[in-house]
Amino acid sequence: MITSKNNPLVKETATLKDKKGRKLLGSFLVEGRKMAEECLLSGMTIEKIFVREGVELGLPVDEKKIVVVSEDVLRQLSDEKTPQGVVCRVKIPTRPLCAPKGNCLFLDGVADPGNLGAIIRTANAAGYEEIYLTKECTDPYSPKSVRASMSGIFFTKLYCAEREEILSMLKNAGVALIVADMGGENVFHFAPNTPFALVIGNEANGVSATVKEAADKTIRIPMRSSQESLNAAVAAGVSMYLLAKEKFL
């Protein structure tokens, strides 16, 4: 059992709570037994599982990957106020930019990790398997984003690239860009042609001018005049389901 916070493996793994550490090591943190179980089911590579002394893991994992640690050490690794007793170190998938197999998401500068995680969660639920993120987006592998994704991050394919690269790839693949914007047509009256990419922009500034200019269609969610806008994750969720409603009828 590891009891020292200064243990080299512990110190290295704790750096994954920060973007710099994740970029350097190419790994991210997953907390809790349930998330660990779903991570295993997804086929992602778990490098190490840190388990607090006395906690029963009960998962089909190579024993060489299990590291028993004291409560203090687990707190050092955890990003939560109340650690759940299990922290996994997981390899970040590396994927070359490629065209989607179906309808997809294009996130143009989503900045809040909670919003990003919630969008990934809904995308997985609604069947948007590929998610393209511009470099201006927050890190989808931050602890807060991973937590908010509720395992969605394991079952969707994330691609992070320059805005122009994503636009070029989608256009060359014949994927229509549907931008969510207050100046668009009522999404309840809109019937998309497939395949399409639903574009969600930055919480404060919306979709970039470059992507707006490339849009094939623009949609909006109608709302009362007393409300100016919706939360980005809520707007994304409503739009995702309405645009894909045929598959759920």
C-alpha atoms as a PDB file:
ATOM      1  CA  MET A   1       0.000   0.000   0.000  1.00  0.00           C
ATOM      2  CA  ILE A   2       1.216   3.508  -0.838  1.00  0.00           C
ATOM      3  CA  THR A   3       0.921   5.933   2.075  1.00  0.00           C
ATOM      4  CA  SER A   4       3.169   8.782   0.910  1.00  0.00           C
ATOM      5  CA  LYS A   5       1.956  11.680  -1.231  1.00  0.00           C
ATOM      6  CA  ASN A   6       5.548  12.032  -2.396  1.00  0.00           C
ATOM      7  CA  ASN A   7       5.541   8.644  -4.084  1.00  0.00           C
ATOM      8  CA  PRO A   8       6.694   9.249  -7.702  1.00  0.00           C
ATOM      9  CA  LEU A   9       3.668   7.500  -9.229  1.00  0.00           C
ATOM     10  CA  VAL A  10       1.287   9.450  -7.011  1.00  0.00           C
ATOM     11  CA  LYS A  11       2.959  12.783  -7.725  1.00  0.00           C
ATOM     12  CA  GLU A  12       2.959  12.120 -11.469  1.00  0.00           C
ATOM     13  CA  THR A  13      -0.679  10.999 -11.539  1.00  0.00           C
ATOM     14  CA  ALA A  14      -1.815  14.003  -9.472  1.00  0.00           C
ATOM     15  CA  THR A  15      -0.591  16.287 -12.279  1.00  0.00           C
ATOM     16  CA  LEU A  16      -3.430  14.908 -14.444  1.00  0.00           C
ATOM     17  CA  LYS A  17      -5.805  17.192 -12.575  1.00  0.00           C
ATOM     18  CA  ASP A  18      -4.267  20.005 -14.649  1.00  0.00           C
ATOM     19  CA  LYS A  19      -4.329  20.434 -18.419  1.00  0.00           C
ATOM     20  CA  LYS A  20      -0.543  20.704 -18.596  1.00  0.00           C
ATOM     21  CA  GLY A  21      -0.140  17.308 -16.934  1.00  0.00           C
ATOM     22  CA  ARG A  22      -2.748  15.686 -19.173  1.00  0.00           C
ATOM     23  CA  LYS A  23      -1.043  17.035 -22.269  1.00  0.00           C
ATOM     24  CA  LEU A  24       2.381  15.882 -21.100  1.00  0.00           C
ATOM     25  CA  LEU A  25       1.346  12.375 -20.051  1.00  0.00           C
ATOM     26  CA  GLY A  26      -1.492  11.779 -22.521  1.00  0.00           C
ATOM     27  CA  SER A  27      -3.791  10.513 -19.766  1.00  0.00           C
ATOM     28  CA  PHE A  28      -6.761  11.692 -17.724  1.00  0.00           C
ATOM     29  CA  LEU A  29      -8.504  10.855 -14.457  1.00  0.00           C
ATOM     30  CA  VAL A  30     -11.750   8.951 -13.952  1.00  0.00           C
ATOM     31  CA  GLU A  31     -13.282   8.773 -10.477  1.00  0.00           C
ATOM     32  CA  GLY A  32     -15.686   6.304  -8.900  1.00  0.00           C
ATOM     33  CA  ARG A  33     -16.326   2.601  -9.296  1.00  0.00           C
ATOM     34  CA  LYS A  34     -19.282   3.037 -11.677  1.00  0.00           C
ATOM     35  CA  MET A  35     -17.314   5.287 -14.012  1.00  0.00           C
ATOM     36  CA  ALA A  36     -14.410   2.828 -13.842  1.00  0.00           C
ATOM     37  CA  GLU A  37     -16.728  -0.036 -14.800  1.00  0.00           C
ATOM     38  CA  GLU A  38     -18.136   1.863 -17.793  1.00  0.00           C
ATOM     39  CA  CYS A  39     -14.653   2.903 -18.840  1.00  0.00           C
ATOM     40  CA  LEU A  40     -13.727  -0.786 -18.962  1.00  0.00           C
ATOM     41  CA  LEU A  41     -16.859  -1.598 -20.975  1.00  0.00           C
ATOM     42  CA  SER A  42     -15.973   1.068 -23.534  1.00  0.00           C
ATOM     43  CA  GLY A  43     -12.589  -0.495 -24.244  1.00  0.00           C
ATOM     44  CA  MET A  44     -10.549   2.521 -23.197  1.00  0.00           C
ATOM     45  CA  THR A  45      -7.119   1.756 -21.798  1.00  0.00           C
ATOM     46  CA  ILE A  46      -6.915   1.981 -18.015  1.00  0.00           C
ATOM     47  CA  GLU A  47      -3.283   2.388 -17.013  1.00  0.00           C
ATOM     48  CA  LYS A  48      -3.703   2.279 -13.221  1.00  0.00           C
ATOM     49  CA  ILE A  49      -6.545   2.045 -10.718  1.00  0.00           C
ATOM     50  CA  PHE A  50      -5.882   3.632  -7.347  1.00  0.00           C
ATOM     51  CA  VAL A  51      -8.103   2.110  -4.678  1.00  0.00           C
ATOM     52  CA  ARG A  52      -8.433   3.407  -1.132  1.00  0.00           C
ATOM     53  CA  GLU A  53      -7.557   0.895   1.553  1.00  0.00           C
ATOM     54  CA  GLY A  54     -10.618  -1.093   2.549  1.00  0.00           C
ATOM     55  CA  VAL A  55     -12.582  -0.438  -0.661  1.00  0.00           C
ATOM     56  CA  GLU A  56     -13.720  -3.491  -2.626  1.00  0.00           C
ATOM     57  CA  LEU A  57     -13.153  -2.828  -6.335  1.00  0.00           C
ATOM     58  CA  GLY A  58     -14.860  -5.929  -7.710  1.00  0.00           C
ATOM     59  CA  LEU A  59     -13.967  -5.288 -11.358  1.00  0.00           C
ATOM     60  CA  PRO A  60     -12.275  -7.598 -13.889  1.00  0.00           C
ATOM     61  CA  VAL A  61      -8.974  -5.728 -13.957  1.00  0.00           C
ATOM     62  CA  ASP A  62      -5.409  -6.990 -14.186  1.00  0.00           C
ATOM     63  CA  GLU A  63      -4.154  -6.998 -10.583  1.00  0.00           C
ATOM     64  CA  LYS A  64      -0.908  -5.417 -11.761  1.00  0.00           C
ATOM     65  CA  LYS A  65      -2.867  -2.265 -12.557  1.00  0.00           C
ATOM     66  CA  ILE A  66      -4.422  -1.971  -9.074  1.00  0.00           C
ATOM     67  CA  VAL A  67      -2.643   0.274  -6.594  1.00  0.00           C
ATOM     68  CA  VAL A  68      -3.899   0.323  -3.005  1.00  0.00           C
ATOM     69  CA  VAL A  69      -3.404   3.704  -1.340  1.00  0.00           C
ATOM     70  CA  SER A  70      -4.170   5.399   1.967  1.00  0.00           C
ATOM     71  CA  GLU A  71      -7.058   7.862   2.338  1.00  0.00           C
ATOM     72  CA  ASP A  72      -4.661  10.824   2.304  1.00  0.00           C
ATOM     73  CA  VAL A  73      -3.060   9.667  -0.918  1.00  0.00           C
ATOM     74  CA  LEU A  74      -6.432   9.139  -2.583  1.00  0.00           C
ATOM     75  CA  ARG A  75      -7.434  12.672  -1.614  1.00  0.00           C
ATOM     76  CA  GLN A  76      -4.249  13.881  -3.274  1.00  0.00           C
ATOM     77  CA  LEU A  77      -5.312  12.190  -6.507  1.00  0.00           C
ATOM     78  CA  SER A  78      -9.000  13.054  -6.371  1.00  0.00           C
ATOM     79  CA  ASP A  79     -10.583  16.236  -7.702  1.00  0.00           C
ATOM     80  CA  GLU A  80     -13.769  15.712  -5.700  1.00  0.00           C
ATOM     81  CA  LYS A  81     -14.627  17.159  -2.298  1.00  0.00           C
ATOM     82  CA  THR A  82     -15.751  13.719  -1.163  1.00  0.00           C
ATOM     83  CA  PRO A  83     -13.619  11.092  -2.951  1.00  0.00           C
ATOM     84  CA  GLN A  84     -15.417   7.880  -3.876  1.00  0.00           C
ATOM     85  CA  GLY A  85     -12.485   5.615  -3.129  1.00  0.00           C
ATOM     86  CA  VAL A  86     -11.489   4.785  -6.708  1.00  0.00           C
ATOM     87  CA  VAL A  87      -9.408   6.901  -9.109  1.00  0.00           C
ATOM     88  CA  CYS A  88      -8.407   5.596 -12.547  1.00  0.00           C
ATOM     89  CA  ARG A  89      -5.605   6.802 -14.756  1.00  0.00           C
ATOM     90  CA  VAL A  90      -6.852   6.393 -18.333  1.00  0.00           C
ATOM     91  CA  LYS A  91      -5.092   6.826 -21.670  1.00  0.00           C
ATOM     92  CA  ILE A  92      -6.468   9.645 -23.825  1.00  0.00           C
ATOM     93  CA  PRO A  93      -7.433   8.178 -27.228  1.00  0.00           C
ATOM     94  CA  THR A  94      -5.505   9.585 -30.187  1.00  0.00           C
ATOM     95  CA  ARG A  95      -7.565   9.804 -33.362  1.00  0.00           C
ATOM     96  CA  PRO A  96      -6.695  11.336 -36.740  1.00  0.00           C
ATOM     97  CA  LEU A  97      -9.355  13.756 -37.978  1.00  0.00           C
ATOM     98  CA  CYS A  98     -11.829  11.889 -40.161  1.00  0.00           C
ATOM     99  CA  ALA A  99     -15.357  12.225 -41.493  1.00  0.00           C
ATOM    100  CA  PRO A 100     -18.327  11.206 -39.330  1.00  0.00           C
ATOM    101  CA  LYS A 101     -20.287   8.046 -40.015  1.00  0.00           C
ATOM    102  CA  GLY A 102     -23.564   9.763 -39.150  1.00  0.00           C
ATOM    103  CA  ASN A 103     -24.908  13.008 -37.767  1.00  0.00           C
ATOM    104  CA  CYS A 104     -22.377  14.693 -35.517  1.00  0.00           C
ATOM    105  CA  LEU A 105     -21.624  17.670 -33.284  1.00  0.00           C
ATOM    106  CA  PHE A 106     -19.290  20.560 -34.009  1.00  0.00           C
ATOM    107  CA  LEU A 107     -18.419  22.508 -30.845  1.00  0.00           C
ATOM    108  CA  ASP A 108     -17.041  25.921 -31.723  1.00  0.00           C
ATOM    109  CA  GLY A 109     -15.414  27.291 -28.587  1.00  0.00           C
ATOM    110  CA  VAL A 110     -17.532  25.832 -25.756  1.00  0.00           C
ATOM    111  CA  ALA A 111     -15.650  27.180 -22.748  1.00  0.00           C
ATOM    112  CA  ASP A 112     -17.293  25.808 -19.613  1.00  0.00           C
ATOM    113  CA  PRO A 113     -16.209  22.265 -18.631  1.00  0.00           C
ATOM    114  CA  GLY A 114     -19.575  21.524 -17.020  1.00  0.00           C
ATOM    115  CA  ASN A 115     -21.391  22.513 -20.211  1.00  0.00           C
ATOM    116  CA  LEU A 116     -18.997  20.504 -22.353  1.00  0.00           C
ATOM    117  CA  GLY A 117     -19.421  17.390 -20.229  1.00  0.00           C
ATOM    118  CA  ALA A 118     -23.221  17.738 -20.271  1.00  0.00           C
ATOM    119  CA  ILE A 119     -23.201  18.135 -24.066  1.00  0.00           C
ATOM    120  CA  ILE A 120     -21.093  14.981 -24.440  1.00  0.00           C
ATOM    121  CA  ARG A 121     -23.494  13.132 -22.143  1.00  0.00           C
ATOM    122  CA  THR A 122     -26.528  14.145 -24.216  1.00  0.00           C
ATOM    123  CA  ALA A 123     -24.733  13.466 -27.499  1.00  0.00           C
ATOM    124  CA  ASN A 124     -24.121   9.897 -26.414  1.00  0.00           C
ATOM    125  CA  ALA A 125     -27.739   9.484 -25.350  1.00  0.00           C
ATOM    126  CA  ALA A 126     -29.096  10.941 -28.598  1.00  0.00           C
ATOM    127  CA  GLY A 127     -26.762   8.989 -30.874  1.00  0.00           C
ATOM    128  CA  TYR A 128     -24.282  11.656 -31.982  1.00  0.00           C
ATOM    129  CA  GLU A 129     -21.201   9.480 -31.872  1.00  0.00           C
ATOM    130  CA  GLU A 130     -18.612  11.896 -33.311  1.00  0.00           C
ATOM    131  CA  ILE A 131     -17.896  15.243 -31.665  1.00  0.00           C
ATOM    132  CA  TYR A 132     -15.536  17.775 -33.237  1.00  0.00           C
ATOM    133  CA  LEU A 133     -14.013  20.430 -30.979  1.00  0.00           C
ATOM    134  CA  THR A 134     -12.127  23.535 -32.020  1.00  0.00           C
ATOM    135  CA  LYS A 135      -8.905  24.336 -30.184  1.00  0.00           C
ATOM    136  CA  GLU A 136     -10.804  27.149 -28.417  1.00  0.00           C
ATOM    137  CA  CYS A 137     -12.948  24.625 -26.527  1.00  0.00           C
ATOM    138  CA  THR A 138     -12.174  23.779 -22.925  1.00  0.00           C
ATOM    139  CA  ASP A 139     -10.399  20.468 -22.319  1.00  0.00           C
ATOM    140  CA  PRO A 140     -12.978  17.636 -22.504  1.00  0.00           C
ATOM    141  CA  TYR A 141     -10.699  15.478 -20.349  1.00  0.00           C
ATOM    142  CA  SER A 142     -10.650  17.835 -17.363  1.00  0.00           C
ATOM    143  CA  PRO A 143     -12.050  16.217 -14.188  1.00  0.00           C
ATOM    144  CA  LYS A 144     -15.129  18.473 -14.196  1.00  0.00           C
ATOM    145  CA  SER A 145     -15.949  17.750 -17.826  1.00  0.00           C
ATOM    146  CA  VAL A 146     -15.408  13.995 -17.409  1.00  0.00           C
ATOM    147  CA  ARG A 147     -17.623  13.989 -14.324  1.00  0.00           C
ATOM    148  CA  ALA A 148     -20.390  15.953 -16.092  1.00  0.00           C
ATOM    149  CA  SER A 149     -20.272  13.613 -19.097  1.00  0.00           C
ATOM    150  CA  MET A 150     -21.492  10.743 -16.899  1.00  0.00           C
ATOM    151  CA  SER A 151     -19.601   8.171 -18.991  1.00  0.00           C
ATOM    152  CA  GLY A 152     -20.581   9.775 -22.298  1.00  0.00           C
ATOM    153  CA  ILE A 153     -16.926  10.544 -22.874  1.00  0.00           C
ATOM    154  CA  PHE A 154     -16.212   6.798 -23.057  1.00  0.00           C
ATOM    155  CA  PHE A 155     -18.764   6.089 -25.776  1.00  0.00           C
ATOM    156  CA  THR A 156     -18.303   9.060 -28.114  1.00  0.00           C
ATOM    157  CA  LYS A 157     -15.373   9.862 -30.387  1.00  0.00           C
ATOM    158  CA  LEU A 158     -13.788  13.248 -29.726  1.00  0.00           C
ATOM    159  CA  TYR A 159     -11.699  15.053 -32.326  1.00  0.00           C
ATOM    160  CA  CYS A 160      -9.885  18.271 -31.450  1.00  0.00           C
ATOM    161  CA  ALA A 161      -8.506  20.329 -34.344  1.00  0.00           C
ATOM    162  CA  GLU A 162      -8.234  23.808 -35.786  1.00  0.00           C
ATOM    163  CA  ARG A 163     -11.545  25.342 -36.813  1.00  0.00           C
ATOM    164  CA  GLU A 164     -10.575  25.544 -40.484  1.00  0.00           C
ATOM    165  CA  GLU A 165      -9.467  21.891 -40.515  1.00  0.00           C
ATOM    166  CA  ILE A 166     -12.820  20.728 -39.168  1.00  0.00           C
ATOM    167  CA  LEU A 167     -14.748  22.923 -41.610  1.00  0.00           C
ATOM    168  CA  SER A 168     -12.756  21.648 -44.571  1.00  0.00           C
ATOM    169  CA  MET A 169     -13.152  18.008 -43.579  1.00  0.00           C
ATOM    170  CA  LEU A 170     -16.929  18.303 -43.073  1.00  0.00           C
ATOM    171  CA  LYS A 171     -17.443  20.195 -46.322  1.00  0.00           C
ATOM    172  CA  ASN A 172     -15.360  17.679 -48.294  1.00  0.00           C
ATOM    173  CA  ALA A 173     -17.392  14.858 -46.756  1.00  0.00           C
ATOM    174  CA  GLY A 174     -20.660  16.477 -47.845  1.00  0.00           C
ATOM    175  CA  VAL A 175     -21.822  17.101 -44.279  1.00  0.00           C
ATOM    176  CA  ALA A 176     -24.246  20.027 -43.943  1.00  0.00           C
ATOM    177  CA  LEU A 177     -23.521  22.589 -41.214  1.00  0.00           C
ATOM    178  CA  ILE A 178     -26.529  23.463 -39.077  1.00  0.00           C
ATOM    179  CA  VAL A 179     -25.672  26.370 -36.793  1.00  0.00           C
ATOM    180  CA  ALA A 180     -27.608  27.026 -33.597  1.00  0.00           C
ATOM    181  CA  ASP A 181     -28.139  30.792 -33.422  1.00  0.00           C
ATOM    182  CA  MET A 182     -30.883  33.172 -32.310  1.00  0.00           C
ATOM    183  CA  GLY A 183     -31.190  34.508 -35.868  1.00  0.00           C
ATOM    184  CA  GLY A 184     -32.122  31.144 -37.377  1.00  0.00           C
ATOM    185  CA  GLU A 185     -35.394  29.476 -38.301  1.00  0.00           C
ATOM    186  CA  ASN A 186     -37.594  27.754 -35.742  1.00  0.00           C
ATOM    187  CA  VAL A 187     -36.075  24.341 -35.040  1.00  0.00           C
ATOM    188  CA  PHE A 188     -39.543  22.881 -34.414  1.00  0.00           C
ATOM    189  CA  HIS A 189     -40.416  23.539 -38.075  1.00  0.00           C
ATOM    190  CA  PHE A 190     -37.084  22.401 -39.459  1.00  0.00           C
ATOM    191  CA  ALA A 191     -36.449  19.048 -41.135  1.00  0.00           C
ATOM    192  CA  PRO A 192     -32.735  18.417 -41.728  1.00  0.00           C
ATOM    193  CA  ASN A 193     -31.197  16.546 -44.601  1.00  0.00           C
ATOM    194  CA  THR A 194     -28.628  14.007 -43.457  1.00  0.00           C
ATOM    195  CA  PRO A 195     -25.803  13.822 -42.805  1.00  0.00           C
ATOM    196  CA  PHE A 196     -25.390  17.018 -40.800  1.00  0.00           C
ATOM    197  CA  ALA A 197     -23.217  18.590 -38.133  1.00  0.00           C
ATOM    198  CA  LEU A 198     -24.993  20.568 -35.423  1.00  0.00           C
ATOM    199  CA  VAL A 199     -22.817  23.542 -34.459  1.00  0.00           C
ATOM    200  CA  ILE A 200     -22.871  24.872 -30.886  1.00  0.00           C
ATOM    201  CA  GLY A 201     -20.873  28.008 -30.143  1.00  0.00           C
ATOM    202  CA  ASN A 202     -19.214  29.743 -27.230  1.00  0.00           C
ATOM    203  CA  GLU A 203     -21.440  30.567 -24.250  1.00  0.00           C
ATOM    204  CA  ALA A 204     -20.733  34.312 -24.389  1.00  0.00           C
ATOM    205  CA  ASN A 205     -19.980  34.972 -28.064  1.00  0.00           C
ATOM    206  CA  GLY A 206     -21.857  32.263 -29.910  1.00  0.00           C
ATOM    207  CA  VAL A 207     -20.624  30.638 -33.113  1.00  0.00           C
ATOM    208  CA  SER A 208     -17.575  32.234 -34.749  1.00  0.00           C
ATOM    209  CA  ALA A 209     -18.010  34.402 -37.856  1.00  0.00           C
ATOM    210  CA  THR A 210     -15.963  31.909 -39.892  1.00  0.00           C
ATOM    211  CA  VAL A 211     -18.341  29.032 -39.128  1.00  0.00           C
ATOM    212  CA  LYS A 212     -21.460  31.194 -39.532  1.00  0.00           C
ATOM    213  CA  GLU A 213     -20.348  32.112 -43.027  1.00  0.00           C
ATOM    214  CA  ALA A 214     -19.913  28.430 -43.876  1.00  0.00           C
ATOM    215  CA  ALA A 215     -23.307  27.405 -42.474  1.00  0.00           C
ATOM    216  CA  ASP A 216     -25.833  25.659 -44.702  1.00  0.00           C
ATOM    217  CA  LYS A 217     -28.699  26.320 -42.307  1.00  0.00           C
ATOM    218  CA  THR A 218     -29.248  28.251 -39.078  1.00  0.00           C
ATOM    219  CA  ILE A 219     -31.760  27.211 -36.446  1.00  0.00           C
ATOM    220  CA  ARG A 220     -33.083  28.723 -33.228  1.00  0.00           C
ATOM    221  CA  ILE A 221     -35.064  27.494 -30.248  1.00  0.00           C
ATOM    222  CA  PRO A 222     -38.110  29.742 -29.730  1.00  0.00           C
ATOM    223  CA  MET A 223     -38.538  31.239 -26.261  1.00  0.00           C
ATOM    224  CA  ARG A 224     -40.474  33.899 -24.414  1.00  0.00           C
ATOM    225  CA  SER A 225     -39.365  37.494 -24.873  1.00  0.00           C
ATOM    226  CA  SER A 226     -38.560  37.708 -21.157  1.00  0.00           C
ATOM    227  CA  GLN A 227     -35.715  35.184 -21.640  1.00  0.00           C
ATOM    228  CA  GLU A 228     -32.747  36.170 -23.770  1.00  0.00           C
ATOM    229  CA  SER A 229     -31.038  32.810 -24.134  1.00  0.00           C
ATOM    230  CA  LEU A 230     -30.625  29.232 -22.934  1.00  0.00           C
ATOM    231  CA  ASN A 231     -27.655  27.543 -21.315  1.00  0.00           C
ATOM    232  CA  ALA A 232     -25.394  26.105 -24.034  1.00  0.00           C
ATOM    233  CA  ALA A 233     -25.774  22.522 -22.826  1.00  0.00           C
ATOM    234  CA  VAL A 234     -29.574  22.839 -22.635  1.00  0.00           C
ATOM    235  CA  ALA A 235     -29.766  24.410 -26.097  1.00  0.00           C
ATOM    236  CA  ALA A 236     -27.532  21.682 -27.494  1.00  0.00           C
ATOM    237  CA  GLY A 237     -29.669  18.974 -25.901  1.00  0.00           C
ATOM    238  CA  VAL A 238     -32.978  20.343 -27.195  1.00  0.00           C
ATOM    239  CA  SER A 239     -31.543  20.806 -30.688  1.00  0.00           C
ATOM    240  CA  MET A 240     -29.915  17.368 -30.808  1.00  0.00           C
ATOM    241  CA  TYR A 241     -33.151  15.578 -30.013  1.00  0.00           C
ATOM    242  CA  LEU A 242     -35.362  17.694 -32.281  1.00  0.00           C
ATOM    243  CA  LEU A 243     -33.025  17.256 -35.253  1.00  0.00           C
ATOM    244  CA  ALA A 244     -32.865  13.502 -34.674  1.00  0.00           C
ATOM    245  CA  LYS A 245     -36.501  13.003 -33.633  1.00  0.00           C
ATOM    246  CA  GLU A 246     -37.314  10.690 -36.556  1.00  0.00           C
ATOM    247  CA  LYS A 247     -35.197   7.921 -35.083  1.00  0.00           C
ATOM    248  CA  PHE A 248     -37.076   8.110 -31.776  1.00  0.00           C
ATOM    249  CA  LEU A 249     -40.638   8.130 -33.149  1.00  0.00           C
END
